[in-house]
């Protein structure tokens, strides 16, 4: 998921919100060399447990994410399909990164801090 990963890396490089600052600070404290690996683990802690694009037919793909029962996004848990119709892989990854960024922008930073301490 090169497009998805690159979009999120660029998003977090800006370091212009409390959430981005917290994630970047936690990454610096971690012993992981891979930002993507760290980000996936961090997202799991706040309830975003899976983010994928999957092939549907020919060169068409669907994007999907999965939220845990205790997610911090005030959304129902489960698998959420983000496209109405299959897209080309790059388009599906672009849409998925857009949806994930929207989710991250609504999360309460105080809840995130509490959740990080618990995990």
C-alpha atoms as a PDB file:
ATOM      1  CA  UNK A   1       0.000   0.000   0.000  1.00  0.00           C
ATOM      2  CA  UNK A   2       2.607   2.469  -1.149  1.00  0.00           C
ATOM      3  CA  UNK A   3       0.225   5.326  -1.988  1.00  0.00           C
ATOM      4  CA  UNK A   4      -1.649   5.010   1.325  1.00  0.00           C
ATOM      5  CA  UNK A   5       1.578   4.875   3.352  1.00  0.00           C
ATOM      6  CA  UNK A   6       3.166   7.811   1.536  1.00  0.00           C
ATOM      7  CA  UNK A   7       0.057   9.946   2.012  1.00  0.00           C
ATOM      8  CA  UNK A   8      -0.003   9.284   5.756  1.00  0.00           C
ATOM      9  CA  UNK A   9       3.739   9.884   6.105  1.00  0.00           C
ATOM     10  CA  UNK A  10       3.314  13.275   4.427  1.00  0.00           C
ATOM     11  CA  UNK A  11       0.273  14.016   6.611  1.00  0.00           C
ATOM     12  CA  UNK A  12       2.209  13.358   9.823  1.00  0.00           C
ATOM     13  CA  UNK A  13       5.340  15.231   8.660  1.00  0.00           C
ATOM     14  CA  UNK A  14       3.425  18.490   8.991  1.00  0.00           C
ATOM     15  CA  UNK A  15       3.291  17.983  12.777  1.00  0.00           C
ATOM     16  CA  UNK A  16       0.705  20.799  12.994  1.00  0.00           C
ATOM     17  CA  UNK A  17      -1.916  19.316  15.338  1.00  0.00           C
ATOM     18  CA  UNK A  18      -1.807  17.894  18.844  1.00  0.00           C
ATOM     19  CA  UNK A  19      -2.576  14.441  17.487  1.00  0.00           C
ATOM     20  CA  UNK A  20       0.256  14.549  14.943  1.00  0.00           C
ATOM     21  CA  UNK A  21       2.663  15.871  17.564  1.00  0.00           C
ATOM     22  CA  UNK A  22       1.686  13.092  19.968  1.00  0.00           C
ATOM     23  CA  UNK A  23       2.102  10.369  17.349  1.00  0.00           C
ATOM     24  CA  UNK A  24       5.483  11.731  16.247  1.00  0.00           C
ATOM     25  CA  UNK A  25       6.661  12.060  19.864  1.00  0.00           C
ATOM     26  CA  UNK A  26       5.610   8.481  20.613  1.00  0.00           C
ATOM     27  CA  UNK A  27       7.418   7.289  17.466  1.00  0.00           C
ATOM     28  CA  UNK A  28      10.617   9.010  18.606  1.00  0.00           C
ATOM     29  CA  UNK A  29      10.321   7.256  21.984  1.00  0.00           C
ATOM     30  CA  UNK A  30       9.721   3.866  20.366  1.00  0.00           C
ATOM     31  CA  UNK A  31      12.492   1.536  19.324  1.00  0.00           C
ATOM     32  CA  UNK A  32      11.000   0.959  15.902  1.00  0.00           C
ATOM     33  CA  UNK A  33      12.852   2.022  12.780  1.00  0.00           C
ATOM     34  CA  UNK A  34       9.752   1.886  10.581  1.00  0.00           C
ATOM     35  CA  UNK A  35       7.274   4.740  10.916  1.00  0.00           C
ATOM     36  CA  UNK A  36       4.650   2.684   9.073  1.00  0.00           C
ATOM     37  CA  UNK A  37       5.029  -0.226  11.500  1.00  0.00           C
ATOM     38  CA  UNK A  38       4.791   2.172  14.441  1.00  0.00           C
ATOM     39  CA  UNK A  39       1.780   3.956  12.960  1.00  0.00           C
ATOM     40  CA  UNK A  40      -0.085   0.663  12.474  1.00  0.00           C
ATOM     41  CA  UNK A  41       0.519  -0.271  16.123  1.00  0.00           C
ATOM     42  CA  UNK A  42      -0.481   3.189  17.325  1.00  0.00           C
ATOM     43  CA  UNK A  43      -3.697   3.069  15.304  1.00  0.00           C
ATOM     44  CA  UNK A  44      -4.523  -0.332  16.829  1.00  0.00           C
ATOM     45  CA  UNK A  45      -4.243   1.186  20.302  1.00  0.00           C
ATOM     46  CA  UNK A  46      -6.950   3.701  19.456  1.00  0.00           C
ATOM     47  CA  UNK A  47      -9.204   1.188  17.748  1.00  0.00           C
ATOM     48  CA  UNK A  48      -8.281   1.303  14.052  1.00  0.00           C
ATOM     49  CA  UNK A  49      -7.155  -2.289  13.804  1.00  0.00           C
ATOM     50  CA  UNK A  50      -6.962  -2.917  10.078  1.00  0.00           C
ATOM     51  CA  UNK A  51      -6.633  -0.877   6.907  1.00  0.00           C
ATOM     52  CA  UNK A  52      -6.548  -2.692   3.567  1.00  0.00           C
ATOM     53  CA  UNK A  53      -7.242  -2.507  -0.115  1.00  0.00           C
ATOM     54  CA  UNK A  54      -8.299  -5.789  -1.649  1.00  0.00           C
ATOM     55  CA  UNK A  55      -8.603  -6.896  -5.263  1.00  0.00           C
ATOM     56  CA  UNK A  56     -12.166  -7.356  -6.492  1.00  0.00           C
ATOM     57  CA  UNK A  57     -12.157  -7.919 -10.231  1.00  0.00           C
ATOM     58  CA  UNK A  58      -9.424  -7.492 -12.792  1.00  0.00           C
ATOM     59  CA  UNK A  59      -7.645  -4.256 -11.955  1.00  0.00           C
ATOM     60  CA  UNK A  60     -10.346  -3.021  -9.549  1.00  0.00           C
ATOM     61  CA  UNK A  61      -9.948  -2.727  -5.789  1.00  0.00           C
ATOM     62  CA  UNK A  62     -11.990  -1.942  -2.684  1.00  0.00           C
ATOM     63  CA  UNK A  63     -10.732  -0.111   0.394  1.00  0.00           C
ATOM     64  CA  UNK A  64     -11.749  -1.159   3.863  1.00  0.00           C
ATOM     65  CA  UNK A  65     -10.912  -0.451   7.479  1.00  0.00           C
ATOM     66  CA  UNK A  66     -11.841  -2.247  10.680  1.00  0.00           C
ATOM     67  CA  UNK A  67     -12.662  -0.665  14.027  1.00  0.00           C
ATOM     68  CA  UNK A  68     -12.449  -2.478  17.359  1.00  0.00           C
ATOM     69  CA  UNK A  69     -15.189  -2.554  19.972  1.00  0.00           C
ATOM     70  CA  UNK A  70     -13.349   0.038  22.063  1.00  0.00           C
ATOM     71  CA  UNK A  71     -12.418   2.438  19.241  1.00  0.00           C
ATOM     72  CA  UNK A  72     -12.040   6.137  20.032  1.00  0.00           C
ATOM     73  CA  UNK A  73     -13.856   7.351  16.913  1.00  0.00           C
ATOM     74  CA  UNK A  74     -17.423   7.162  18.266  1.00  0.00           C
ATOM     75  CA  UNK A  75     -18.253   4.743  15.467  1.00  0.00           C
ATOM     76  CA  UNK A  76     -19.725   1.257  15.416  1.00  0.00           C
ATOM     77  CA  UNK A  77     -17.091  -1.487  15.453  1.00  0.00           C
ATOM     78  CA  UNK A  78     -16.587  -3.777  12.485  1.00  0.00           C
ATOM     79  CA  UNK A  79     -15.451  -3.735   8.879  1.00  0.00           C
ATOM     80  CA  UNK A  80     -16.252  -0.569   6.960  1.00  0.00           C
ATOM     81  CA  UNK A  81     -16.088  -0.559   3.164  1.00  0.00           C
ATOM     82  CA  UNK A  82     -15.072   2.897   1.947  1.00  0.00           C
ATOM     83  CA  UNK A  83     -15.995   2.623  -1.730  1.00  0.00           C
ATOM     84  CA  UNK A  84     -19.370   2.151  -3.389  1.00  0.00           C
ATOM     85  CA  UNK A  85     -17.789   0.746  -6.515  1.00  0.00           C
ATOM     86  CA  UNK A  86     -14.383  -0.855  -7.060  1.00  0.00           C
ATOM     87  CA  UNK A  87     -11.603   1.545  -8.072  1.00  0.00           C
ATOM     88  CA  UNK A  88      -8.132   1.296  -9.524  1.00  0.00           C
ATOM     89  CA  UNK A  89      -5.646   0.397  -6.801  1.00  0.00           C
ATOM     90  CA  UNK A  90      -4.091   3.883  -6.508  1.00  0.00           C
ATOM     91  CA  UNK A  91      -7.547   5.491  -6.342  1.00  0.00           C
ATOM     92  CA  UNK A  92      -8.659   2.992  -3.668  1.00  0.00           C
ATOM     93  CA  UNK A  93      -5.521   3.749  -1.611  1.00  0.00           C
ATOM     94  CA  UNK A  94      -6.059   7.511  -2.042  1.00  0.00           C
ATOM     95  CA  UNK A  95      -9.660   7.187  -0.870  1.00  0.00           C
ATOM     96  CA  UNK A  96      -8.643   4.986   2.051  1.00  0.00           C
ATOM     97  CA  UNK A  97      -5.993   7.452   3.221  1.00  0.00           C
ATOM     98  CA  UNK A  98      -8.529  10.295   2.922  1.00  0.00           C
ATOM     99  CA  UNK A  99     -11.056   8.408   5.064  1.00  0.00           C
ATOM    100  CA  UNK A 100      -8.443   7.436   7.673  1.00  0.00           C
ATOM    101  CA  UNK A 101      -7.224  11.044   7.913  1.00  0.00           C
ATOM    102  CA  UNK A 102     -10.838  12.158   8.439  1.00  0.00           C
ATOM    103  CA  UNK A 103     -11.188   9.610  11.251  1.00  0.00           C
ATOM    104  CA  UNK A 104      -7.966  10.770  12.887  1.00  0.00           C
ATOM    105  CA  UNK A 105      -9.047  14.395  12.706  1.00  0.00           C
ATOM    106  CA  UNK A 106     -12.164  13.768  14.829  1.00  0.00           C
ATOM    107  CA  UNK A 107     -10.552  11.741  17.594  1.00  0.00           C
ATOM    108  CA  UNK A 108     -10.371  13.405  21.013  1.00  0.00           C
ATOM    109  CA  UNK A 109      -6.714  13.946  21.902  1.00  0.00           C
ATOM    110  CA  UNK A 110      -7.386  13.496  25.638  1.00  0.00           C
ATOM    111  CA  UNK A 111      -8.978  10.107  24.984  1.00  0.00           C
ATOM    112  CA  UNK A 112      -5.979   9.163  22.840  1.00  0.00           C
ATOM    113  CA  UNK A 113      -3.552  10.105  25.612  1.00  0.00           C
ATOM    114  CA  UNK A 114      -5.506   8.025  28.142  1.00  0.00           C
ATOM    115  CA  UNK A 115      -5.647   5.053  25.781  1.00  0.00           C
ATOM    116  CA  UNK A 116      -1.911   5.218  25.070  1.00  0.00           C
ATOM    117  CA  UNK A 117      -1.165   5.159  28.803  1.00  0.00           C
ATOM    118  CA  UNK A 118      -3.403   2.095  29.241  1.00  0.00           C
ATOM    119  CA  UNK A 119      -1.689   0.210  26.445  1.00  0.00           C
END
